[in-house]
């Protein structure tokens, strides 16, 4: 069943990697042109080159994708060991969705814990 959607996944991943490479190339060109023009003011460079998100927001997003990937992989492994009719069953989709949901729930709980811990340290 998964072999039918594999080409679409590959197309999406290839497109995503191409977009990331182009964005990084454009950031590099912008940095180079700013240096050549003599624009080395720290506030200006930070405005152009950094996202508005702080470091913790990026960590939370990365943590979310780590949880989704890990629990999605665990769901795939678990569904391989379950006995079901391979042609007409929706069980594999349910197992994967349940594990992805579990990963998102644990991600939410961990992020709430880290946020309260960070706010108490301030």
Protein backbone atom coordinates (compact mmCIF):
# COMPACT_ATOMS: atom_id res chain seq x y z
CA UNK A 1 0.00 0.00 0.00
CA UNK A 2 2.84 2.38 0.87
CA UNK A 3 4.58 1.69 -2.44
CA UNK A 4 1.76 3.55 -4.24
CA UNK A 5 2.44 6.84 -2.49
CA UNK A 6 6.25 6.54 -2.44
CA UNK A 7 6.71 8.47 -5.73
CA UNK A 8 4.66 11.37 -4.38
CA UNK A 9 6.69 11.42 -1.18
CA UNK A 10 9.91 11.46 -3.20
CA UNK A 11 8.64 14.35 -5.35
CA UNK A 12 7.67 16.34 -2.26
CA UNK A 13 11.01 15.69 -0.54
CA UNK A 14 13.00 16.58 -3.66
CA UNK A 15 11.04 19.81 -4.05
CA UNK A 16 11.53 20.65 -0.37
CA UNK A 17 15.30 20.05 -0.55
CA UNK A 18 15.53 22.21 -3.67
CA UNK A 19 13.64 25.05 -2.00
CA UNK A 20 15.86 24.87 1.09
CA UNK A 21 18.99 24.96 -1.07
CA UNK A 22 17.71 27.99 -3.02
CA UNK A 23 16.79 29.86 0.17
CA UNK A 24 20.25 29.21 1.63
CA UNK A 25 21.88 30.39 -1.60
CA UNK A 26 19.83 33.58 -1.58
CA UNK A 27 20.74 34.25 2.08
CA UNK A 28 24.40 33.80 1.21
CA UNK A 29 24.12 36.22 -1.71
CA UNK A 30 22.38 38.78 0.50
CA UNK A 31 25.11 38.50 3.13
CA UNK A 32 27.82 38.90 0.51
CA UNK A 33 26.17 41.98 -1.03
CA UNK A 34 25.71 43.55 2.41
CA UNK A 35 29.39 43.05 3.20
CA UNK A 36 30.45 44.42 -0.19
CA UNK A 37 28.24 47.50 0.34
CA UNK A 38 29.76 48.06 3.79
CA UNK A 39 26.53 47.50 5.71
CA UNK A 40 27.96 45.94 8.83
CA UNK A 41 25.71 47.53 11.47
CA UNK A 42 24.72 44.72 13.84
CA UNK A 43 21.04 45.74 14.10
CA UNK A 44 20.71 45.97 10.32
CA UNK A 45 22.33 42.59 9.75
CA UNK A 46 20.11 41.02 12.42
CA UNK A 47 17.01 42.53 10.83
CA UNK A 48 17.80 41.18 7.37
CA UNK A 49 19.27 37.80 8.18
CA UNK A 50 17.53 36.50 11.27
CA UNK A 51 13.96 35.39 11.59
CA UNK A 52 11.70 37.05 14.12
CA UNK A 53 11.57 33.80 16.08
CA UNK A 54 13.82 33.46 19.05
CA UNK A 55 16.11 30.53 19.69
CA UNK A 56 13.62 28.71 21.91
CA UNK A 57 10.88 28.79 19.27
CA UNK A 58 13.23 27.12 16.80
CA UNK A 59 14.10 24.49 19.38
CA UNK A 60 10.41 23.79 19.98
CA UNK A 61 9.76 23.38 16.25
CA UNK A 62 12.73 21.05 15.89
CA UNK A 63 11.56 19.05 18.88
CA UNK A 64 8.11 18.69 17.29
CA UNK A 65 9.57 17.23 14.11
CA UNK A 66 11.81 14.89 16.09
CA UNK A 67 8.78 13.59 17.99
CA UNK A 68 6.72 13.21 14.80
CA UNK A 69 9.50 11.36 13.00
CA UNK A 70 10.26 9.06 15.92
CA UNK A 71 6.66 8.17 16.69
CA UNK A 72 5.80 7.83 13.00
CA UNK A 73 8.66 5.35 12.65
CA UNK A 74 7.55 3.46 15.74
CA UNK A 75 4.02 3.33 14.30
CA UNK A 76 5.33 1.87 11.05
CA UNK A 77 7.29 -0.78 12.92
CA UNK A 78 4.31 -1.69 15.13
CA UNK A 79 1.88 -1.96 12.21
CA UNK A 80 4.22 -4.43 10.49
CA UNK A 81 3.82 -6.86 13.39
CA UNK A 82 0.00 -6.66 13.57
CA UNK A 83 -1.99 -9.33 11.75
CA UNK A 84 -4.49 -7.82 9.30
CA UNK A 85 -5.82 -8.25 5.78
CA UNK A 86 -3.20 -6.47 3.69
CA UNK A 87 -5.51 -5.36 0.89
CA UNK A 88 -8.69 -4.03 2.48
CA UNK A 89 -7.64 -3.02 5.97
CA UNK A 90 -7.40 0.52 7.27
CA UNK A 91 -5.49 -0.67 10.34
CA UNK A 92 -2.05 0.58 9.17
CA UNK A 93 -3.37 4.12 8.75
CA UNK A 94 -5.01 4.03 12.16
CA UNK A 95 -1.87 2.75 13.88
CA UNK A 96 0.31 5.41 12.27
CA UNK A 97 -2.17 8.20 13.07
CA UNK A 98 -2.42 7.04 16.69
CA UNK A 99 1.36 7.02 17.10
CA UNK A 100 1.73 10.43 15.41
CA UNK A 101 -0.95 11.81 17.72
CA UNK A 102 0.85 10.33 20.69
CA UNK A 103 4.05 12.01 19.53
CA UNK A 104 2.31 15.38 19.21
CA UNK A 105 0.72 15.00 22.65
CA UNK A 106 4.07 14.19 24.27
CA UNK A 107 5.62 17.10 22.38
CA UNK A 108 2.94 19.42 23.76
CA UNK A 109 3.46 18.18 27.33
CA UNK A 110 7.25 18.55 27.07
CA UNK A 111 6.97 22.03 25.55
CA UNK A 112 4.61 23.14 28.33
CA UNK A 113 7.02 21.81 30.92
CA UNK A 114 10.00 23.53 29.29
CA UNK A 115 8.07 26.79 28.94
CA UNK A 116 7.08 26.85 32.62
CA UNK A 117 10.64 25.94 33.61
CA UNK A 118 12.00 28.74 31.40
CA UNK A 119 9.52 31.31 32.75
CA UNK A 120 10.40 30.47 36.36
CA UNK A 121 14.12 31.02 35.62
CA UNK A 122 13.53 34.58 34.38
